[in-house]
Amino acid sequence: MSGAATAGGGARRVTVEVPATSANLGVGFDCLALALDMTLRVEVETMAGGVMSELQVSGEGAGRLGLNDANRFIAGLRRGLKELGADNIGQAWRIEMDNQIPLGRGLGSSAAAVVGGLLSAEALAGSELGLERRLALAVEIEGHPDNVAAALLGGFVLVIDTDQPGVWQARRLEPPTELRAVIYVPDRELPTSRMRAALPEVVPRADAVHNMGRAAALAVAIATGDLSAIGAMCDDRLHEPYRAAVYPEFPELVRAARAAGALGAALSGAGSTVIALCRTEQTVAVAAAMSASAAEVALTGSARVVMPRSDGARIVGR
């Protein structure tokens, strides 16, 4: 981008970077998530006197994202500026997005975009929303507190609602240093709305209790670095059995990953990505097994080894 940030009415510029996220992690439905080292990087510059904005997208989403609120970065940017009383900043923007996060695959692409927009708004306005308000606004726009919290904070995150409407609490844990993620990213996109529609309104009490215990065990495993207990993530009863009716291939990838030595495996978010958590020495075998399993059921895509990411959303340039 040309130009530099200046005070007053001149051009202002900021660059933000936000990680991908994998939510649910099996048993942690709507409350657990992990940041992954794939990023959305956005440079946004106000154009003083401009009347039309410009958008350039490279990587995932190129040719698909537009200059409207369907682009969640734009939605987050506009909402953040309005919240900060800075609507007058940036009647026109020049935006460059470099996106490594696949769209519609359960890797938090929308959450990353919203968080990036809010963080950019703060930098451009020269004022901060604060974590609690930033989290609340991001959930309001995007709808998934687990993805949003992990994108903001990085690491492994637990998020819960509170007695106050629209107020969320998030707690972050540092991922164990030897933990790795293998993800199989299908070419097929799965709309979250469709996968949500597959879920029942009511579940048996025994299934709810079952998941509560295993979600707690998974959090303790991460907090203590006890990787042997990560297998608790594989025993979900609240959403994966119902989503398998819509996406019957994913249980096969989970089984293949476990047979190859993965500590645990699950549907990433609402899918279509499947995530396996592994020790470093297991990653090659697990990636190969997931790819072979996908080929057997004609599910085209690719396997990748990804580091859990400690850093959440951050400003990387002004």
Protein backbone atom coordinates (compact mmCIF):
# COMPACT_ATOMS: atom_id res chain seq x y z
CA MET A 1 0.00 0.00 0.00
CA SER A 2 1.10 3.53 -0.65
CA GLY A 3 1.09 6.33 1.89
CA ALA A 4 1.70 6.36 5.61
CA ALA A 5 -0.49 6.87 8.63
CA THR A 6 -0.84 10.50 9.59
CA ALA A 7 -2.68 12.37 12.30
CA GLY A 8 -5.81 14.37 11.80
CA GLY A 9 -7.72 13.95 8.55
CA GLY A 10 -4.89 12.37 6.55
CA ALA A 11 -4.54 8.75 5.54
CA ARG A 12 -4.35 6.16 8.31
CA ARG A 13 -3.06 2.64 7.87
CA VAL A 14 -2.85 -0.54 9.92
CA THR A 15 -1.94 -4.19 9.33
CA VAL A 16 -3.50 -6.94 11.45
CA GLU A 17 -2.96 -10.68 11.64
CA VAL A 18 -5.52 -13.15 13.02
CA PRO A 19 -5.22 -16.94 13.40
CA ALA A 20 -7.47 -19.73 12.18
CA THR A 21 -9.34 -21.62 14.88
CA SER A 22 -10.76 -25.08 15.42
CA ALA A 23 -13.83 -25.07 17.64
CA ASN A 24 -15.61 -27.77 19.63
CA LEU A 25 -12.67 -30.22 19.58
CA GLY A 26 -15.21 -33.02 19.82
CA VAL A 27 -16.69 -32.93 23.31
CA GLY A 28 -16.32 -29.17 23.88
CA PHE A 29 -19.36 -28.20 21.83
CA ASP A 30 -19.69 -24.40 21.59
CA CYS A 31 -17.24 -23.75 24.46
CA LEU A 32 -13.74 -25.00 23.53
CA ALA A 33 -11.45 -23.94 20.70
CA LEU A 34 -7.81 -23.93 19.64
CA ALA A 35 -5.96 -21.29 17.60
CA LEU A 36 -3.98 -22.65 14.64
CA ASP A 37 -0.98 -21.23 12.83
CA MET A 38 -2.77 -20.30 9.61
CA THR A 39 -3.54 -16.62 9.34
CA LEU A 40 -5.63 -13.90 7.84
CA ARG A 41 -3.44 -10.84 7.30
CA VAL A 42 -5.10 -7.57 6.33
CA GLU A 43 -3.74 -4.13 5.53
CA VAL A 44 -6.33 -1.36 5.56
CA GLU A 45 -5.69 2.27 4.71
CA THR A 46 -8.13 5.13 4.74
CA MET A 47 -8.27 7.17 1.53
CA ALA A 48 -8.71 10.83 2.41
CA GLY A 49 -11.27 12.37 0.08
CA GLY A 50 -12.00 9.00 -1.49
CA VAL A 51 -15.51 8.00 -2.49
CA MET A 52 -14.99 4.38 -3.51
CA SER A 53 -13.21 1.66 -1.57
CA GLU A 54 -10.78 -0.83 -3.08
CA LEU A 55 -10.33 -4.49 -2.14
CA GLN A 56 -7.62 -6.93 -3.16
CA VAL A 57 -7.74 -10.53 -1.91
CA SER A 58 -5.03 -13.16 -2.33
CA GLY A 59 -5.20 -16.75 -1.18
CA GLU A 60 -8.44 -18.26 0.12
CA GLY A 61 -11.51 -16.27 -0.89
CA ALA A 62 -9.89 -14.54 -3.85
CA GLY A 63 -12.61 -13.62 -6.33
CA ARG A 64 -15.36 -14.30 -3.77
CA LEU A 65 -15.16 -11.56 -1.17
CA GLY A 66 -16.70 -8.16 -1.80
CA LEU A 67 -16.84 -4.70 -0.28
CA ASN A 68 -19.98 -5.28 1.78
CA ASP A 69 -20.95 -6.69 5.15
CA ALA A 70 -21.03 -10.23 3.73
CA ASN A 71 -17.27 -9.80 3.98
CA ARG A 72 -17.00 -10.18 7.75
CA PHE A 73 -13.86 -8.05 7.90
CA ILE A 74 -15.86 -5.12 6.52
CA ALA A 75 -18.68 -5.85 8.98
CA GLY A 76 -16.24 -5.87 11.91
CA LEU A 77 -14.45 -2.73 10.73
CA ARG A 78 -17.67 -0.74 10.33
CA ARG A 79 -19.13 -1.96 13.63
CA GLY A 80 -15.92 -1.18 15.51
CA LEU A 81 -15.67 2.34 14.11
CA LYS A 82 -19.31 2.99 14.97
CA GLU A 83 -18.85 1.68 18.51
CA LEU A 84 -15.86 3.97 18.98
CA GLY A 85 -17.70 7.00 17.62
CA ALA A 86 -15.32 7.15 14.67
CA ASP A 87 -17.73 6.69 11.76
CA ASN A 88 -16.10 9.66 10.06
CA ILE A 89 -12.85 7.71 9.68
CA GLY A 90 -12.56 5.96 6.38
CA GLN A 91 -15.45 6.85 4.16
CA ALA A 92 -13.33 4.94 1.66
CA TRP A 93 -10.64 2.31 2.31
CA ARG A 94 -7.94 0.49 0.43
CA ILE A 95 -7.89 -3.07 1.77
CA GLU A 96 -5.47 -5.88 0.98
CA MET A 97 -6.25 -9.33 2.40
CA ASP A 98 -3.84 -12.28 2.35
CA ASN A 99 -5.84 -15.24 3.61
CA GLN A 100 -4.53 -18.71 4.44
CA ILE A 101 -7.78 -19.85 6.10
CA PRO A 102 -10.13 -21.91 3.89
CA LEU A 103 -13.69 -20.61 3.75
CA GLY A 104 -16.64 -22.76 4.81
CA ARG A 105 -14.46 -25.56 6.22
CA GLY A 106 -14.83 -25.14 9.98
CA LEU A 107 -11.56 -23.29 10.54
CA GLY A 108 -12.94 -19.98 11.79
CA SER A 109 -12.50 -17.89 8.66
CA SER A 110 -15.48 -15.68 9.54
CA ALA A 111 -14.35 -15.25 13.15
CA ALA A 112 -10.86 -14.26 12.03
CA ALA A 113 -12.29 -11.69 9.63
CA VAL A 114 -14.60 -10.11 12.23
CA VAL A 115 -11.85 -9.94 14.84
CA GLY A 116 -9.47 -8.46 12.29
CA GLY A 117 -12.02 -5.80 11.40
CA LEU A 118 -12.59 -4.82 15.04
CA LEU A 119 -8.88 -4.67 15.79
CA SER A 120 -8.31 -2.54 12.69
CA ALA A 121 -11.08 -0.17 13.78
CA GLU A 122 -9.41 0.31 17.15
CA ALA A 123 -6.05 1.08 15.55
CA LEU A 124 -7.53 3.49 13.03
CA ALA A 125 -9.58 5.27 15.69
CA GLY A 126 -6.71 5.42 18.16
CA SER A 127 -8.93 4.01 20.89
CA GLU A 128 -9.56 0.59 22.44
CA LEU A 129 -12.78 -1.30 22.95
CA GLY A 130 -11.25 -3.53 25.62
CA LEU A 131 -11.29 -7.32 25.54
CA GLU A 132 -14.75 -7.81 27.03
CA ARG A 133 -16.45 -5.44 24.57
CA ARG A 134 -14.34 -6.70 21.67
CA LEU A 135 -15.43 -10.24 22.44
CA ALA A 136 -19.09 -9.26 22.82
CA LEU A 137 -19.16 -7.36 19.52
CA ALA A 138 -17.40 -10.15 17.66
CA VAL A 139 -19.91 -12.71 18.96
CA GLU A 140 -22.78 -10.36 18.07
CA ILE A 141 -21.55 -10.15 14.47
CA GLU A 142 -20.21 -13.67 13.97
CA GLY A 143 -22.26 -15.80 16.34
CA HIS A 144 -19.64 -18.31 17.50
CA PRO A 145 -18.03 -17.38 20.83
CA ASP A 146 -15.58 -20.30 20.80
CA ASN A 147 -13.99 -19.38 17.45
CA VAL A 148 -14.01 -15.68 18.28
CA ALA A 149 -12.38 -16.11 21.70
CA ALA A 150 -9.59 -18.30 20.31
CA ALA A 151 -8.98 -15.86 17.46
CA LEU A 152 -8.68 -13.01 19.97
CA LEU A 153 -6.59 -14.74 22.62
CA GLY A 154 -4.71 -17.50 20.81
CA GLY A 155 -3.89 -20.84 22.42
CA PHE A 156 -6.55 -23.14 23.81
CA VAL A 157 -9.62 -21.25 25.00
CA LEU A 158 -12.68 -21.98 27.13
CA VAL A 159 -15.57 -19.56 26.74
CA ILE A 160 -18.88 -19.33 28.60
CA ASP A 161 -21.81 -16.94 28.69
CA THR A 162 -22.73 -15.05 31.83
CA ASP A 163 -25.86 -13.86 33.60
CA GLN A 164 -25.56 -10.62 31.64
CA PRO A 165 -26.92 -10.87 28.09
CA GLY A 166 -24.19 -10.46 25.51
CA VAL A 167 -21.36 -10.75 28.04
CA TRP A 168 -18.90 -13.64 27.70
CA GLN A 169 -16.03 -14.90 29.78
CA ALA A 170 -13.00 -16.49 28.12
CA ARG A 171 -10.06 -18.26 29.72
CA ARG A 172 -6.90 -19.12 27.84
CA LEU A 173 -4.52 -22.06 28.30
CA GLU A 174 -1.13 -22.43 26.67
CA PRO A 175 -1.04 -25.48 24.35
CA PRO A 176 1.59 -28.08 25.30
CA THR A 177 4.78 -27.44 23.33
CA GLU A 178 4.89 -30.94 21.83
CA LEU A 179 1.29 -30.81 20.57
CA ARG A 180 0.68 -30.66 16.82
CA ALA A 181 -2.47 -30.65 14.71
CA VAL A 182 -3.05 -32.55 11.50
CA ILE A 183 -6.02 -31.26 9.55
CA TYR A 184 -7.68 -32.84 6.54
CA VAL A 185 -9.32 -30.01 4.58
CA PRO A 186 -11.83 -31.31 2.04
CA ASP A 187 -12.60 -29.44 -1.15
CA ARG A 188 -16.25 -29.65 -0.09
CA GLU A 189 -17.65 -26.71 1.86
CA LEU A 190 -20.30 -27.28 4.51
CA PRO A 191 -22.53 -24.35 5.52
CA THR A 192 -22.69 -24.01 9.29
CA SER A 193 -26.43 -23.41 9.02
CA ARG A 194 -26.92 -26.83 7.45
CA MET A 195 -24.82 -28.57 10.09
CA ARG A 196 -26.65 -26.71 12.88
CA ALA A 197 -29.98 -27.80 11.42
CA ALA A 198 -28.93 -31.43 11.85
CA LEU A 199 -28.80 -31.06 15.64
CA PRO A 200 -31.71 -31.91 17.95
CA GLU A 201 -33.24 -29.29 20.22
CA VAL A 202 -33.08 -31.66 23.22
CA VAL A 203 -30.51 -34.33 24.12
CA PRO A 204 -30.69 -37.07 26.78
CA ARG A 205 -29.40 -36.09 30.20
CA ALA A 206 -26.95 -38.97 30.15
CA ASP A 207 -25.37 -37.62 26.97
CA ALA A 208 -25.05 -34.13 28.45
CA VAL A 209 -23.38 -35.51 31.60
CA HIS A 210 -21.13 -37.70 29.47
CA ASN A 211 -19.89 -34.69 27.51
CA MET A 212 -19.44 -32.48 30.57
CA GLY A 213 -17.02 -34.93 32.12
CA ARG A 214 -15.01 -35.45 28.97
CA ALA A 215 -14.84 -31.75 28.12
CA ALA A 216 -13.46 -31.12 31.61
CA ALA A 217 -10.96 -33.96 31.14
CA LEU A 218 -9.80 -32.44 27.85
CA ALA A 219 -9.29 -29.03 29.45
CA VAL A 220 -7.31 -30.59 32.30
CA ALA A 221 -5.20 -32.52 29.78
CA ILE A 222 -4.27 -29.29 28.01
CA ALA A 223 -3.69 -27.38 31.25
CA THR A 224 -1.41 -30.04 32.71
CA GLY A 225 0.28 -31.14 29.48
CA ASP A 226 -1.01 -34.70 29.98
CA LEU A 227 -1.26 -35.59 26.31
CA SER A 228 -2.36 -39.15 27.07
CA ALA A 229 -5.74 -37.78 28.22
CA ILE A 230 -6.50 -35.90 24.99
CA GLY A 231 -8.36 -38.94 23.70
CA ALA A 232 -11.34 -37.69 25.72
CA MET A 233 -12.13 -35.38 22.80
CA CYS A 234 -13.14 -38.34 20.64
CA ASP A 235 -16.19 -39.40 22.58
CA ASP A 236 -18.76 -36.70 21.77
CA ARG A 237 -22.50 -37.38 22.01
CA LEU A 238 -23.95 -33.87 21.54
CA HIS A 239 -23.25 -33.00 17.91
CA GLU A 240 -20.94 -35.33 15.97
CA PRO A 241 -23.29 -38.35 15.83
CA TYR A 242 -26.03 -36.12 14.36
CA ARG A 243 -23.71 -34.35 11.95
CA ALA A 244 -22.46 -37.69 10.67
CA ALA A 245 -25.87 -38.15 9.06
CA VAL A 246 -25.10 -35.12 6.88
CA TYR A 247 -21.38 -35.78 6.57
CA PRO A 248 -20.91 -39.58 6.72
CA GLU A 249 -17.27 -39.52 5.61
CA PHE A 250 -15.86 -37.73 8.65
CA PRO A 251 -16.10 -40.62 11.18
CA GLU A 252 -13.92 -42.66 8.83
CA LEU A 253 -11.20 -39.98 8.90
CA VAL A 254 -11.38 -39.87 12.70
CA ARG A 255 -10.98 -43.64 12.91
CA ALA A 256 -8.04 -43.57 10.49
CA ALA A 257 -6.29 -40.84 12.46
CA ARG A 258 -6.69 -42.71 15.75
CA ALA A 259 -5.47 -45.97 14.22
CA ALA A 260 -2.37 -44.14 12.96
CA GLY A 261 -1.54 -42.91 16.45
CA ALA A 262 -3.35 -39.59 16.86
CA LEU A 263 -4.03 -38.64 20.46
CA GLY A 264 -7.52 -37.54 19.51
CA ALA A 265 -9.51 -36.49 16.46
CA ALA A 266 -12.78 -34.70 15.78
CA LEU A 267 -14.78 -32.60 13.39
CA SER A 268 -13.35 -29.06 13.28
CA GLY A 269 -16.17 -26.67 14.05
CA ALA A 270 -19.14 -27.67 11.92
CA GLY A 271 -16.83 -29.15 9.27
CA SER A 272 -15.86 -30.10 6.72
CA THR A 273 -12.31 -30.14 8.11
CA VAL A 274 -11.32 -32.99 10.41
CA ILE A 275 -8.64 -32.24 13.02
CA ALA A 276 -6.34 -34.72 14.74
CA LEU A 277 -4.14 -33.74 17.70
CA CYS A 278 -0.79 -35.53 17.74
CA ARG A 279 2.68 -35.63 19.11
CA THR A 280 5.27 -34.39 16.63
CA GLU A 281 6.46 -37.88 15.70
CA GLN A 282 2.93 -38.99 14.81
CA THR A 283 2.10 -36.27 12.28
CA VAL A 284 3.43 -37.89 9.10
CA ALA A 285 1.66 -41.19 9.70
CA VAL A 286 -1.58 -39.49 10.73
CA ALA A 287 -1.61 -37.20 7.69
CA ALA A 288 -1.01 -40.17 5.38
CA ALA A 289 -3.75 -42.22 7.05
CA MET A 290 -6.30 -39.41 6.83
CA SER A 291 -5.48 -38.83 3.16
CA ALA A 292 -5.80 -42.54 2.39
CA SER A 293 -9.10 -42.78 4.24
CA ALA A 294 -10.45 -39.76 2.38
CA ALA A 295 -9.42 -41.30 -0.94
CA GLU A 296 -11.28 -44.50 -0.07
CA VAL A 297 -14.54 -42.56 0.36
CA ALA A 298 -13.84 -40.21 -2.59
CA LEU A 299 -13.50 -37.14 -0.39
CA THR A 300 -11.05 -34.93 -2.24
CA GLY A 301 -8.93 -32.48 -0.29
CA SER A 302 -5.54 -32.20 1.37
CA ALA A 303 -3.88 -33.01 4.70
CA ARG A 304 -1.73 -30.42 6.47
CA VAL A 305 0.34 -30.35 9.62
CA VAL A 306 -0.31 -27.16 11.60
CA MET A 307 1.14 -25.82 14.83
CA PRO A 308 -1.23 -24.68 17.56
CA ARG A 309 -0.76 -20.91 17.77
CA SER A 310 -0.06 -19.13 21.04
CA ASP A 311 -0.62 -15.64 19.66
CA GLY A 312 -4.09 -14.31 19.09
CA ALA A 313 -5.06 -11.38 16.88
CA ARG A 314 -2.43 -8.68 16.79
CA ILE A 315 -1.40 -5.49 15.06
CA VAL A 316 1.73 -6.15 13.01
CA GLY A 317 2.16 -2.78 11.29
CA ARG A 318 0.98 0.80 11.23
